[in-house]
Protein backbone atom coordinates (compact mmCIF):
# COMPACT_ATOMS: atom_id res chain seq x y z
CA MET A 1 3.93 15.38 1.35
CA THR A 2 6.20 16.17 -1.84
CA PRO A 3 9.09 14.29 -2.81
CA ALA A 4 11.41 17.28 -2.07
CA LEU A 5 10.06 17.87 1.52
CA THR A 6 10.61 13.98 1.93
CA PHE A 7 14.11 14.15 0.75
CA PHE A 8 15.03 17.30 3.06
CA ILE A 9 13.28 15.67 6.02
CA GLY A 10 15.40 12.24 5.50
CA LEU A 11 18.60 14.46 5.22
CA ALA A 12 17.73 16.05 8.16
CA LEU A 13 17.14 12.92 9.97
CA LEU A 14 20.67 11.37 8.99
CA VAL A 15 22.42 14.24 9.94
CA LEU A 16 20.91 14.29 13.41
CA PHE A 17 21.44 10.44 13.74
CA GLY A 18 25.22 11.06 13.05
CA TRP A 19 25.56 14.03 15.37
CA TYR A 20 23.72 11.83 18.02
CA PHE A 21 26.00 9.13 17.75
CA ALA A 22 29.20 11.36 17.47
CA THR A 23 27.85 13.08 21.03
CA ASP A 24 28.99 11.84 24.45
CA GLN A 25 26.33 11.03 27.23
CA GLY A 26 24.75 14.31 28.82
CA PRO A 27 21.97 16.68 28.18
CA ARG A 28 22.91 17.51 24.60
CA LYS A 29 22.61 13.64 23.60
CA ARG A 30 19.32 13.59 25.44
CA LEU A 31 18.14 16.57 23.51
CA LEU A 32 19.22 15.18 20.26
CA ALA A 33 17.39 11.92 20.90
CA MET A 34 14.05 14.11 21.88
CA THR A 35 14.57 15.94 18.50
CA LEU A 36 14.93 12.76 16.55
CA MET A 37 11.99 10.96 18.03
CA LEU A 38 9.60 14.19 17.62
CA LEU A 39 10.61 14.46 14.19
CA LEU A 40 10.16 10.78 13.37
CA VAL A 41 6.80 10.71 15.12
CA ILE A 42 5.60 13.87 13.64
CA PHE A 43 6.77 12.65 10.23
CA SER A 44 4.93 9.48 10.68
CA ILE A 45 1.90 11.04 11.70
CA GLY A 46 2.06 13.30 8.67
CA THR A 47 2.33 10.37 6.30
CA ILE A 48 -0.66 8.56 7.97
CA TRP A 49 -2.88 11.73 8.29
CA PRO A 50 -5.32 12.75 7.00
CA PRO A 51 -7.36 9.45 7.09
CA GLN A 52 -7.59 9.58 3.22
CA LYS A 53 -3.82 8.37 3.13
CA LYS A 54 -4.82 5.27 5.59
CA ILE A 55 -2.88 2.07 4.86
CA ALA A 56 -5.11 0.02 2.24
CA LEU A 57 -6.62 -2.98 3.33
CA GLY A 58 -6.15 -6.31 1.76
CA LEU A 59 -8.13 -8.75 -0.02
CA ASP A 60 -9.09 -10.85 3.06
CA ILE A 61 -10.06 -7.56 4.80
CA GLN A 62 -11.93 -5.49 2.17
CA GLY A 63 -12.12 -7.47 -1.10
CA GLY A 64 -11.05 -5.68 -4.20
CA THR A 65 -11.18 -5.90 -8.09
CA SER A 66 -10.82 -9.26 -9.92
CA PHE A 67 -9.51 -9.21 -13.68
CA LEU A 68 -9.54 -12.29 -15.83
CA ILE A 69 -6.71 -11.84 -18.54
CA ARG A 70 -6.38 -13.92 -21.57
CA LEU A 71 -3.08 -14.26 -23.42
CA VAL A 72 -3.72 -13.32 -27.26
CA PRO A 73 -2.09 -16.01 -29.44
CA GLY A 74 -0.12 -14.75 -32.17
CA ASP A 75 1.94 -16.71 -34.88
CA LYS A 76 2.68 -19.32 -32.19
CA ALA A 77 0.65 -21.26 -29.87
CA ILE A 78 0.47 -20.16 -26.38
CA THR A 79 2.81 -22.24 -24.13
CA LYS A 80 3.28 -22.59 -20.38
CA GLY A 81 6.65 -20.67 -20.66
CA MET A 82 4.63 -17.67 -22.22
CA LEU A 83 1.92 -17.97 -19.38
CA ASP A 84 4.59 -18.14 -16.73
CA GLN A 85 6.38 -15.03 -18.17
CA ALA A 86 3.18 -13.10 -18.29
CA VAL A 87 2.42 -14.11 -14.63
CA GLU A 88 5.86 -13.00 -13.20
CA VAL A 89 5.82 -9.71 -15.72
CA ILE A 90 2.29 -8.70 -14.29
CA ARG A 91 3.41 -9.28 -10.65
CA LYS A 92 6.39 -7.15 -10.99
CA ARG A 93 4.37 -4.50 -12.49
CA ILE A 94 1.54 -4.17 -9.94
CA ASP A 95 3.75 -5.15 -7.01
CA VAL A 96 7.18 -3.89 -7.27
CA PHE A 97 8.10 -4.34 -3.67
CA GLY A 98 6.16 -7.16 -2.88
CA VAL A 99 3.81 -5.19 -0.39
CA SER A 100 0.41 -4.91 -2.63
CA GLU A 101 -0.71 -8.43 -1.46
CA PRO A 102 -2.57 -9.04 -4.95
CA VAL A 103 -3.54 -12.73 -6.03
CA ILE A 104 -2.17 -13.47 -9.27
CA SER A 105 -2.55 -17.03 -10.76
CA PRO A 106 -2.68 -18.70 -13.84
CA VAL A 107 -6.03 -20.34 -14.84
CA GLY A 108 -6.15 -22.88 -17.59
CA GLY A 109 -3.59 -22.81 -20.29
CA ASP A 110 -3.98 -19.14 -21.54
CA ARG A 111 -5.65 -17.10 -18.74
CA ILE A 112 -4.57 -15.20 -15.54
CA LEU A 113 -6.64 -14.30 -12.67
CA VAL A 114 -5.47 -10.89 -11.07
CA GLN A 115 -7.15 -9.62 -7.83
CA ILE A 116 -6.13 -6.45 -6.53
CA PRO A 117 -7.29 -5.37 -3.01
CA GLY A 118 -9.28 -2.05 -2.64
CA LEU A 119 -9.23 -0.10 -5.81
CA ASP A 120 -11.16 3.22 -6.61
CA THR A 121 -12.38 4.14 -10.06
CA ALA A 122 -9.06 5.96 -11.05
CA LYS A 123 -6.77 3.15 -9.68
CA ILE A 124 -8.93 0.40 -11.50
CA GLN A 125 -8.22 2.31 -14.93
CA GLU A 126 -4.65 2.53 -13.95
CA ALA A 127 -4.58 -1.23 -13.23
CA ARG A 128 -6.20 -2.13 -16.68
CA ASP A 129 -3.55 0.04 -18.34
CA GLN A 130 -0.84 -1.45 -16.31
CA LEU A 131 -2.23 -5.09 -16.88
CA SER A 132 -2.65 -4.78 -20.71
CA ARG A 133 0.29 -2.76 -21.74
CA VAL A 134 2.76 -4.64 -23.84
CA ALA A 135 5.69 -2.10 -23.61
CA LYS A 136 7.34 -2.37 -26.77
CA LEU A 137 10.21 0.18 -26.41
CA GLU A 138 12.10 1.47 -29.45
CA PHE A 139 14.52 4.18 -30.10
CA ARG A 140 14.41 5.69 -33.52
CA LEU A 141 16.46 8.40 -35.04
CA VAL A 142 14.59 11.43 -36.49
CA TYR A 143 15.54 12.83 -40.05
CA THR A 144 18.51 15.30 -40.01
CA ASP A 145 16.57 18.32 -41.47
CA ASN A 146 13.31 17.19 -40.05
CA GLY A 147 11.40 20.70 -40.59
CA GLU A 148 12.78 21.50 -44.08
CA ARG A 149 12.18 18.09 -45.40
CA LEU A 150 8.42 18.06 -44.26
CA GLN A 151 7.88 21.51 -45.70
CA LYS A 152 9.08 20.10 -49.12
CA ILE A 153 6.93 17.04 -48.84
CA ASP A 154 3.85 19.09 -48.09
CA ALA A 155 4.73 21.27 -50.93
CA GLY A 156 4.86 18.00 -53.22
CA LYS A 157 8.69 18.95 -53.97
CA GLU A 158 10.09 16.00 -52.05
CA VAL A 159 8.93 12.37 -51.07
CA ILE A 160 9.11 10.76 -47.85
CA PRO A 161 12.35 9.00 -47.57
CA PRO A 162 11.49 5.09 -47.96
CA GLU A 163 13.05 4.00 -44.63
CA PHE A 164 11.16 6.95 -42.69
CA ARG A 165 7.55 7.66 -41.99
CA ILE A 166 5.78 10.80 -40.40
CA GLU A 167 4.59 10.28 -36.93
CA THR A 168 2.86 12.89 -34.64
CA TYR A 169 4.33 13.86 -31.39
CA LYS A 170 2.21 15.33 -28.72
CA MET A 171 4.30 17.53 -26.08
CA GLN A 172 2.64 18.33 -22.84
CA ARG A 173 3.73 21.26 -21.08
CA GLU A 174 2.38 21.92 -17.43
CA GLY A 175 -0.20 24.41 -17.47
CA GLU A 176 -0.42 24.55 -21.12
CA LYS A 177 -2.40 22.72 -24.07
CA PRO A 178 -0.74 19.66 -25.74
CA VAL A 179 1.55 20.86 -28.81
CA GLU A 180 1.44 18.39 -31.68
CA GLU A 181 4.83 18.12 -33.83
CA ARG A 182 5.25 16.11 -36.80
CA LEU A 183 8.44 14.23 -37.17
CA LEU A 184 10.00 11.90 -39.89
CA VAL A 185 11.41 9.09 -37.74
CA LYS A 186 12.66 5.82 -39.04
CA LYS A 187 10.43 2.84 -39.41
CA LYS A 188 12.81 0.16 -38.25
CA ALA A 189 13.92 0.81 -34.66
CA ASP A 190 17.67 1.80 -34.18
CA LEU A 191 17.70 0.21 -30.83
CA SER A 192 15.32 -2.18 -29.37
CA GLY A 193 13.78 -2.13 -25.59
CA ASP A 194 14.80 -5.34 -25.09
CA ARG A 195 17.90 -4.24 -24.14
CA VAL A 196 16.75 -2.22 -21.06
CA SER A 197 17.97 -4.11 -17.92
CA ASN A 198 16.26 -2.02 -15.58
CA ALA A 199 14.34 1.22 -15.12
CA GLY A 200 13.25 3.51 -12.52
CA ALA A 201 11.47 6.77 -11.78
CA SER A 202 13.04 9.77 -9.83
CA TYR A 203 12.00 13.07 -9.11
CA GLU A 204 14.40 16.09 -10.26
CA LYS A 205 14.29 19.97 -10.96
CA ASP A 206 12.19 19.59 -13.93
CA GLY A 207 9.98 17.19 -12.61
CA TRP A 208 9.33 13.21 -12.62
CA VAL A 209 11.68 11.35 -15.29
CA VAL A 210 12.16 7.76 -16.16
CA HIS A 211 15.79 6.51 -16.09
CA LEU A 212 16.85 3.56 -18.28
CA ARG A 213 19.87 1.34 -18.09
CA PHE A 214 20.88 -0.80 -20.91
CA ASP A 215 22.69 -4.30 -20.71
CA ALA A 216 26.25 -4.68 -22.20
CA GLU A 217 25.14 -5.01 -25.66
CA GLY A 218 22.75 -2.52 -25.47
CA ALA A 219 24.96 0.40 -23.95
CA LYS A 220 27.58 -0.35 -26.84
CA GLN A 221 24.77 0.16 -29.32
CA PHE A 222 23.27 3.20 -27.61
CA GLY A 223 26.91 4.86 -27.29
CA ASN A 224 27.80 4.22 -30.83
CA ILE A 225 24.39 5.60 -32.14
CA THR A 226 24.56 8.71 -30.03
CA ALA A 227 28.27 9.32 -30.99
CA ALA A 228 27.20 9.13 -34.71
CA ASN A 229 24.24 11.47 -34.28
CA VAL A 230 25.42 14.33 -32.05
CA HIS A 231 22.88 17.42 -32.28
CA HIS A 232 20.35 14.99 -34.13
CA ARG A 233 17.21 14.19 -32.45
CA PHE A 234 16.49 10.69 -31.29
CA ALA A 235 12.65 9.42 -30.65
CA ILE A 236 11.59 7.27 -27.91
CA VAL A 237 8.84 5.11 -29.04
CA LEU A 238 6.63 3.17 -26.56
CA ASP A 239 3.85 0.92 -28.05
CA GLY A 240 3.94 2.90 -31.44
CA VAL A 241 3.70 6.37 -29.60
CA ILE A 242 6.44 9.02 -29.31
CA GLN A 243 7.09 9.69 -25.64
CA SER A 244 9.68 12.31 -26.10
CA ALA A 245 12.04 13.08 -29.05
CA PRO A 246 15.10 14.85 -27.33
CA VAL A 247 18.24 16.33 -29.12
CA ILE A 248 21.45 14.27 -28.54
CA GLN A 249 23.75 16.68 -26.92
CA ASP A 250 26.99 14.40 -26.66
CA ALA A 251 27.90 10.70 -27.07
CA ILE A 252 26.23 9.04 -24.34
CA TYR A 253 28.46 5.84 -23.09
CA GLY A 254 27.78 3.86 -19.90
CA GLY A 255 24.37 2.42 -20.87
CA ASP A 256 22.30 5.26 -19.26
CA ALA A 257 19.26 6.96 -20.68
CA GLN A 258 16.21 8.84 -19.39
CA ILE A 259 12.59 9.89 -20.76
CA THR A 260 11.36 13.05 -19.78
CA GLY A 261 7.99 14.08 -20.44
CA ARG A 262 6.09 16.20 -17.64
CA PHE A 263 5.17 13.03 -15.95
CA THR A 264 3.12 12.87 -12.66
CA GLU A 265 4.80 10.47 -10.09
CA ASP A 266 2.08 7.58 -10.67
CA GLU A 267 2.91 8.04 -14.73
CA ALA A 268 6.54 7.94 -14.17
CA ARG A 269 6.66 4.92 -11.84
CA GLY A 270 3.92 3.19 -13.96
CA LEU A 271 6.01 3.88 -17.22
CA ALA A 272 9.17 2.43 -15.24
CA SER A 273 7.68 -0.60 -14.34
CA VAL A 274 6.25 -1.56 -17.97
CA LEU A 275 9.44 -0.54 -19.30
CA GLU A 276 11.52 -2.87 -17.11
CA ASN A 277 9.04 -5.62 -17.43
CA PRO A 278 7.73 -5.80 -21.12
CA LEU A 279 5.21 -8.53 -22.19
CA GLN A 280 6.46 -10.98 -24.85
CA THR A 281 2.68 -11.89 -25.57
CA PRO A 282 -0.11 -9.29 -25.73
CA VAL A 283 -3.05 -9.73 -23.37
CA SER A 284 -6.86 -8.61 -23.17
CA ILE A 285 -8.70 -8.28 -20.18
CA GLU A 286 -11.82 -10.74 -20.65
CA GLU A 287 -13.49 -9.97 -17.36
CA GLU A 288 -13.52 -7.49 -14.73
CA ARG A 289 -15.60 -7.84 -11.17
CA SER A 290 -15.62 -6.43 -7.72
CA VAL A 291 -14.74 -9.21 -5.18
CA SER A 292 -15.65 -9.66 -1.54
CA PRO A 293 -13.21 -10.33 1.35
CA THR A 294 -11.72 -13.76 1.23
CA LEU A 295 -12.74 -13.92 5.08
CA GLY A 296 -16.15 -13.65 6.54
CA LEU A 297 -16.80 -10.56 8.57
CA ASP A 298 -16.97 -12.67 11.83
CA SER A 299 -13.37 -13.97 11.03
CA ILE A 300 -12.09 -10.39 10.57
CA LYS A 301 -13.59 -8.87 13.82
CA ALA A 302 -12.29 -11.87 15.68
CA SER A 303 -8.96 -11.56 14.42
CA ILE A 304 -8.65 -7.84 14.96
CA LEU A 305 -9.99 -8.40 18.55
CA ALA A 306 -7.29 -10.97 19.19
CA GLY A 307 -4.76 -8.72 18.11
CA LEU A 308 -5.85 -5.86 20.56
CA VAL A 309 -6.19 -8.17 23.30
CA GLY A 310 -2.59 -9.58 22.76
CA LEU A 311 -1.12 -5.95 22.72
CA ALA A 312 -3.00 -4.78 25.65
CA ILE A 313 -1.88 -7.97 27.71
CA THR A 314 1.57 -7.32 26.62
CA LEU A 315 1.43 -3.50 27.77
CA VAL A 316 -0.24 -4.33 30.97
CA CYS A 317 2.26 -7.59 31.79
CA VAL A 318 5.31 -5.10 31.09
CA ALA A 319 4.05 -2.22 33.17
CA VAL A 320 3.03 -4.54 36.08
CA TYR A 321 6.30 -6.37 36.27
CA TYR A 322 8.93 -3.66 35.53
CA LYS A 323 6.84 -0.69 37.06
CA ILE A 324 8.28 2.87 36.00
CA PRO A 325 10.86 1.12 33.44
CA GLY A 326 8.02 -0.91 32.27
CA LEU A 327 5.92 2.32 31.57
CA VAL A 328 8.84 3.92 29.91
CA ALA A 329 8.96 0.44 27.69
CA ASN A 330 5.46 0.76 26.98
CA ILE A 331 5.91 4.49 25.69
CA ALA A 332 8.66 3.22 23.48
CA LEU A 333 6.17 0.52 22.17
CA ILE A 334 3.60 2.93 21.21
CA ILE A 335 6.15 5.16 19.46
CA ASN A 336 7.34 1.91 17.80
CA LEU A 337 3.76 1.31 16.44
CA ILE A 338 3.72 4.95 15.22
CA LEU A 339 6.76 4.65 13.20
CA LEU A 340 5.85 1.24 11.79
CA VAL A 341 2.32 2.46 10.63
CA GLY A 342 4.08 5.59 9.07
CA ALA A 343 6.37 3.52 7.55
CA MET A 344 3.77 1.11 5.98
CA THR A 345 1.58 4.04 4.89
CA MET A 346 4.62 5.65 3.33
CA PHE A 347 5.61 2.59 1.52
CA HIS A 348 1.86 1.71 0.34
CA PHE A 349 1.58 -1.27 2.22
CA VAL A 350 -1.45 -3.26 1.88
CA LEU A 351 -2.52 -4.67 5.24
CA THR A 352 -3.78 -7.86 5.55
CA LEU A 353 -4.63 -10.17 8.83
CA PRO A 354 -1.33 -11.96 8.54
CA GLY A 355 -0.03 -8.09 8.47
CA ILE A 356 -2.03 -7.32 11.73
CA ALA A 357 -0.44 -10.38 13.32
CA GLY A 358 3.04 -9.58 12.07
CA ILE A 359 2.83 -5.97 13.66
CA ILE A 360 1.53 -7.35 16.84
CA LEU A 361 4.60 -9.95 16.90
CA THR A 362 6.91 -7.22 16.04
CA ILE A 363 5.64 -5.28 19.02
CA GLY A 364 5.78 -8.32 21.34
CA LEU A 365 9.29 -9.19 20.00
CA SER A 366 10.49 -5.43 20.90
CA VAL A 367 9.85 -6.50 24.42
CA ASP A 368 12.84 -8.73 24.32
CA ALA A 369 15.28 -5.85 24.02
CA ASN A 370 13.76 -4.06 27.15
CA VAL A 371 13.85 -7.55 28.99
CA LEU A 372 17.39 -7.83 28.29
CA ILE A 373 18.16 -4.36 29.48
CA TYR A 374 15.92 -4.41 32.64
CA GLU A 375 17.22 -7.52 33.64
CA ARG A 376 20.90 -6.48 33.24
CA LEU A 377 19.77 -3.40 35.18
CA ARG A 378 18.58 -5.81 38.12
CA GLU A 379 21.84 -7.59 38.31
CA GLU A 380 23.96 -4.42 38.05
CA MET A 381 21.83 -2.83 40.88
CA ALA A 382 22.16 -6.03 42.90
CA LEU A 383 25.97 -5.61 42.89
CA GLY A 384 25.80 -2.34 44.92
CA LYS A 385 26.11 0.31 41.98
CA SER A 386 24.20 3.58 41.73
CA LEU A 387 21.21 3.73 39.86
CA LYS A 388 22.82 5.96 37.16
CA ILE A 389 26.18 3.90 36.82
CA ALA A 390 23.86 0.62 36.62
CA LEU A 391 21.55 1.96 34.04
CA ASN A 392 24.43 2.99 31.81
CA THR A 393 26.11 -0.41 32.31
CA ALA A 394 22.83 -2.28 31.78
CA TYR A 395 22.40 -0.49 28.27
CA GLU A 396 26.29 -0.80 27.27
CA LYS A 397 26.32 -4.69 28.25
CA ALA A 398 22.91 -5.63 26.74
CA PHE A 399 23.50 -3.76 23.52
CA SER A 400 25.83 -6.61 21.86
CA SER A 401 23.18 -9.19 22.45
CA ILE A 402 20.42 -6.84 21.20
CA PHE A 403 22.46 -5.81 18.15
CA ASP A 404 23.47 -9.46 17.26
CA ALA A 405 20.11 -10.70 17.55
CA ASN A 406 18.83 -8.14 15.27
CA VAL A 407 21.36 -7.97 12.70
CA THR A 408 21.26 -11.78 12.25
CA THR A 409 17.49 -11.17 11.70
CA LEU A 410 18.16 -8.23 9.36
CA ILE A 411 20.58 -10.30 7.23
CA THR A 412 17.87 -13.07 6.91
CA ALA A 413 15.49 -10.36 5.77
CA ALA A 414 18.05 -8.93 2.93
CA ILE A 415 18.29 -12.43 1.63
CA LEU A 416 14.63 -12.83 1.29
CA PHE A 417 14.41 -9.48 -0.34
CA TRP A 418 17.22 -10.27 -2.62
CA GLN A 419 16.12 -13.64 -3.75
CA ALA A 420 12.21 -13.53 -3.27
CA THR A 421 9.30 -12.10 -5.18
CA GLY A 422 5.79 -10.98 -4.31
CA PRO A 423 4.33 -11.30 -0.68
CA VAL A 424 7.74 -12.79 0.58
CA ARG A 425 9.61 -9.62 -0.35
CA GLY A 426 6.98 -7.89 1.30
CA PHE A 427 7.33 -9.70 4.31
CA ALA A 428 11.11 -8.83 4.20
CA ILE A 429 10.64 -5.37 4.01
CA ALA A 430 8.07 -5.31 6.94
CA LEU A 431 10.57 -7.40 9.04
CA THR A 432 13.22 -4.72 8.29
CA LEU A 433 11.21 -1.88 9.16
CA GLY A 434 9.84 -3.52 12.58
CA ILE A 435 13.37 -4.27 13.51
CA LEU A 436 14.59 -0.78 12.73
CA ALA A 437 11.89 0.70 14.85
CA SER A 438 12.35 -1.64 17.61
CA LEU A 439 16.19 -0.84 17.76
CA PHE A 440 15.49 2.98 17.78
CA THR A 441 12.83 2.70 20.37
CA ALA A 442 14.55 0.32 22.85
CA LEU A 443 18.02 2.00 22.51
CA ILE A 444 17.61 5.74 21.84
CA VAL A 445 13.99 6.38 23.06
CA GLY A 446 13.70 4.28 26.10
CA ARG A 447 17.30 4.92 27.13
CA ASN A 448 17.20 8.77 27.17
CA PHE A 449 13.84 8.73 28.56
CA LEU A 450 14.85 6.57 31.45
CA GLY A 451 18.19 8.43 31.67
CA TRP A 452 16.40 11.74 31.67
CA PHE A 453 14.36 10.47 34.98
CA VAL A 454 17.48 9.28 36.74
CA ASP A 455 19.80 12.41 35.93
CA THR A 456 17.32 15.04 36.99
CA GLY A 457 16.49 13.17 40.18
CA ARG A 458 13.17 12.36 39.78
CA LEU A 459 13.68 8.79 39.64
CA LYS A 460 15.94 7.87 42.76
CA ARG A 461 15.25 4.09 43.11
CA ILE A 462 13.84 1.23 40.62
CA SER A 463 12.00 -1.56 41.88
CA MET A 464 10.95 -4.59 39.74
CA LEU A 465 8.83 -7.66 40.56
CA HIS A 466 10.93 -10.79 40.81
CA LEU A 467 8.54 -13.68 40.48
CA ILE A 468 11.36 -16.36 39.77
CA SER A 469 14.21 -16.33 42.27
CA ALA A 470 17.69 -16.59 40.86
CA GLN A 471 19.05 -19.93 40.06
CA ASN A 472 22.77 -20.84 39.46
CA ILE A 473 22.56 -23.12 36.57
CA ASN A 474 25.67 -24.27 34.75
CA PHE A 475 24.51 -24.02 31.07
CA LEU A 476 27.90 -24.08 29.51
CA GLY A 477 28.62 -27.28 31.41
CA LYS A 478 25.56 -28.93 29.87
CA GLY A 479 26.63 -27.59 26.33
CA PHE A 480 26.93 -31.12 24.88
CA ILE A 481 23.39 -32.16 26.27
CA ALA A 482 21.68 -29.16 24.69
CA CYS A 483 23.37 -29.65 21.39
CA MET A 484 22.36 -33.37 21.26
CA CYS A 485 18.75 -32.21 22.10
CA SER A 486 18.86 -29.82 19.39
CA LEU A 487 20.25 -32.20 16.71
CA ALA A 488 17.54 -34.69 17.73
CA LEU A 489 14.78 -32.05 17.21
CA LEU A 490 16.24 -30.94 13.90
CA VAL A 491 16.52 -34.49 12.62
CA ALA A 492 12.73 -35.35 13.87
CA GLY A 493 11.51 -32.09 12.03
CA ALA A 494 13.37 -32.81 8.96
CA THR A 495 11.82 -36.44 9.11
CA ALA A 496 8.28 -35.32 9.62
CA PHE A 497 8.71 -32.88 6.93
CA TYR A 498 10.00 -35.30 4.45
CA LEU A 499 7.26 -37.94 5.37
CA ARG A 500 4.58 -35.44 4.95
CA GLY A 501 5.88 -34.99 1.37
CA GLU A 502 3.46 -32.72 -0.79
CA ARG A 503 1.01 -32.34 2.17
CA ASN A 504 3.27 -29.71 3.74
CA PHE A 505 2.66 -27.16 0.82
CA GLY A 506 -0.50 -25.27 0.28
CA VAL A 507 -2.45 -24.16 -2.99
CA ASP A 508 -0.09 -21.28 -3.45
CA PHE A 509 2.80 -23.67 -3.94
CA ARG A 510 1.11 -26.62 -5.46
CA GLY A 511 -1.63 -25.07 -7.40
CA GLY A 512 -5.11 -26.17 -7.07
CA ASP A 513 -8.66 -26.09 -8.46
CA LEU A 514 -10.64 -22.72 -9.01
CA ILE A 515 -14.35 -23.23 -8.86
CA THR A 516 -16.80 -20.46 -9.84
CA LEU A 517 -20.52 -20.93 -9.21
CA SER A 518 -23.17 -18.54 -9.70
CA ALA A 519 -26.63 -17.88 -8.17
CA PRO A 520 -29.57 -15.36 -8.74
CA GLY A 521 -29.48 -14.08 -5.35
CA LYS A 522 -26.79 -13.15 -2.63
CA ILE A 523 -24.82 -15.95 -1.59
CA ASP A 524 -23.80 -16.24 2.17
CA ILE A 525 -20.03 -17.08 2.17
CA GLY A 526 -20.56 -18.41 5.79
CA GLN A 527 -23.21 -20.74 4.53
CA VAL A 528 -20.72 -22.11 1.88
CA ARG A 529 -17.83 -22.52 4.50
CA HIS A 530 -20.19 -24.46 6.57
CA ALA A 531 -21.13 -26.74 3.79
CA LEU A 532 -17.44 -27.56 3.21
CA GLN A 533 -16.92 -28.53 6.52
CA PRO A 534 -17.82 -32.14 6.05
CA ILE A 535 -15.08 -32.81 3.49
CA GLY A 536 -12.44 -30.71 5.34
CA LEU A 537 -12.13 -27.65 3.18
CA ALA A 538 -14.14 -24.95 5.43
CA ASP A 539 -10.61 -22.98 5.35
CA ALA A 540 -10.67 -22.58 1.63
CA SER A 541 -10.44 -19.04 0.00
CA ILE A 542 -14.01 -18.34 -0.83
CA GLN A 543 -14.95 -14.85 -2.60
CA GLU A 544 -18.23 -13.40 -3.53
CA SER A 545 -18.72 -10.98 -6.55
CA THR A 546 -21.46 -9.44 -8.59
CA GLN A 547 -21.51 -8.95 -12.37
CA VAL A 548 -24.50 -7.85 -14.06
CA GLY A 549 -27.19 -8.44 -11.34
CA LYS A 550 -25.97 -11.92 -10.85
CA SER A 551 -23.90 -13.42 -7.71
CA TYR A 552 -20.92 -15.39 -8.08
CA ILE A 553 -18.56 -17.52 -5.60
CA THR A 554 -15.22 -18.43 -6.45
CA ILE A 555 -13.67 -21.11 -4.21
CA ARG A 556 -9.93 -22.13 -4.60
CA THR A 557 -9.23 -25.55 -3.20
CA PRO A 558 -6.43 -28.32 -3.54
CA LEU A 559 -5.79 -30.16 -6.71
CA HIS A 560 -8.42 -32.45 -7.84
CA THR A 561 -11.15 -31.37 -5.35
CA SER A 562 -13.64 -29.43 -7.54
CA ASP A 563 -15.82 -32.49 -8.18
CA LYS A 564 -16.54 -32.98 -4.59
CA VAL A 565 -16.65 -29.33 -3.70
CA GLU A 566 -19.20 -28.77 -6.26
CA LYS A 567 -21.28 -31.88 -5.17
CA GLU A 568 -21.17 -30.95 -1.67
CA ILE A 569 -22.45 -27.19 -2.28
CA MET A 570 -25.09 -28.23 -4.73
CA GLN A 571 -26.63 -30.83 -2.04
CA THR A 572 -26.29 -28.28 0.84
CA LEU A 573 -27.14 -25.08 -1.09
CA PRO A 574 -29.57 -26.07 -3.86
CA SER A 575 -30.13 -22.38 -5.05
CA VAL A 576 -26.41 -22.23 -5.95
């Protein structure tokens, strides 16, 4: 689906949403709701289909490609600060929104292990470029009379000005062969790329472009340079190669600039990523391997089966307990699932087993909204109200509780996205998408489905199971006792957390040992996991990889456990 089509579909959906909320109850509101639902479902299915565009699977399910990167020492020795900076830069480059689920961890004092799930040949090459690119950005002025001066230099009548040098600029136009142009550009940069505060890619009338924003000092310098050189060319140089050389049409203040160059979407986004996150220290890729899933096939099958069984039980229980309203709720849940999977595909989520659990949890939690509505409906009907009035009242009175609960969670997700990085930011995006889908299906899809049945007379009476008899409990009168119990539980939990100390944190927080063992033949991960059971490390992350006909296993364990892990494996599996 092209960016332009996606934009117009999104615009149409926004208009329909506004129209829906501005319309009073009635056939028109139901028609708008049905149109919205169909458009969103069709758009989601179009995002998911064909199967080639399916959600990518994570390292724990299908494995991927592993890169071992070494920081190249220059004049200064590699420090921990340099290593940490490189780790964060690489994370931001390959996982902008925190949804790719890569493994990025420092190894020793000058190496970084990067594992990216499920890469095909083209993506592997793209990953190599992204990982090793230094992204030294410079802005250099082109000589005023470039063409005339070059002709005189070629004829031997002039010499190259001492502060300039000749560079070749390759212009790529769509459908045409690259055109080379020689430019006299300054040797020294007029403005350095370290003044770029952020960068992004967008699709415009002439194709994909990369936008740059400078910090305060960079904006001032950029404004002064452009004001003093109107109608002169300004070369944008990345890693020593001219990307574009536009003519300065006017003074540019405000700190915004853009790079054009007939980019594809991937090229534009990749360039924006490396410009926003330049490497202070050059790196080289020392080793590249294909790695197996971190979990065994039996664990994957068991987890997927558990998720499907949980979903089935949820659907059956809702249908049995609430009958016809329950069936409507199940339809809404299925639509919720379609919208969620479509959104995850559009945002290039990488699905891991925790992600599958999160989807099932989101669907289960979305039942809460229907429970609030239907239980309120039961109470309104018990007061003797007609079905139509009871249904409208139930949705209106349950709305505030549903809205408050979901907005509170959305605020939490916004804080996580704002402050966190990596997988935590990805969790925040997934949580936000799940909440929005649940609100839409419960308050718009479910309400209008059920309202249509009632208004057209197809549903004249609603009956629901009532397994628990009504109880009159004075909850507010026992508020003090409830607060004290909650406080006691909080204190107990905080105390237990404090007493456990570092044991509360896993390898991803504390770091750990990375052990790589080799064997001439294929290694059974299940046997390795079984060998680690006696020392309590059977749940360690274990991966198999192959390189030049030799098999390797990589094991991540807590700090200072490598010796006993190696000893245990050697005793149990002598061939390793």
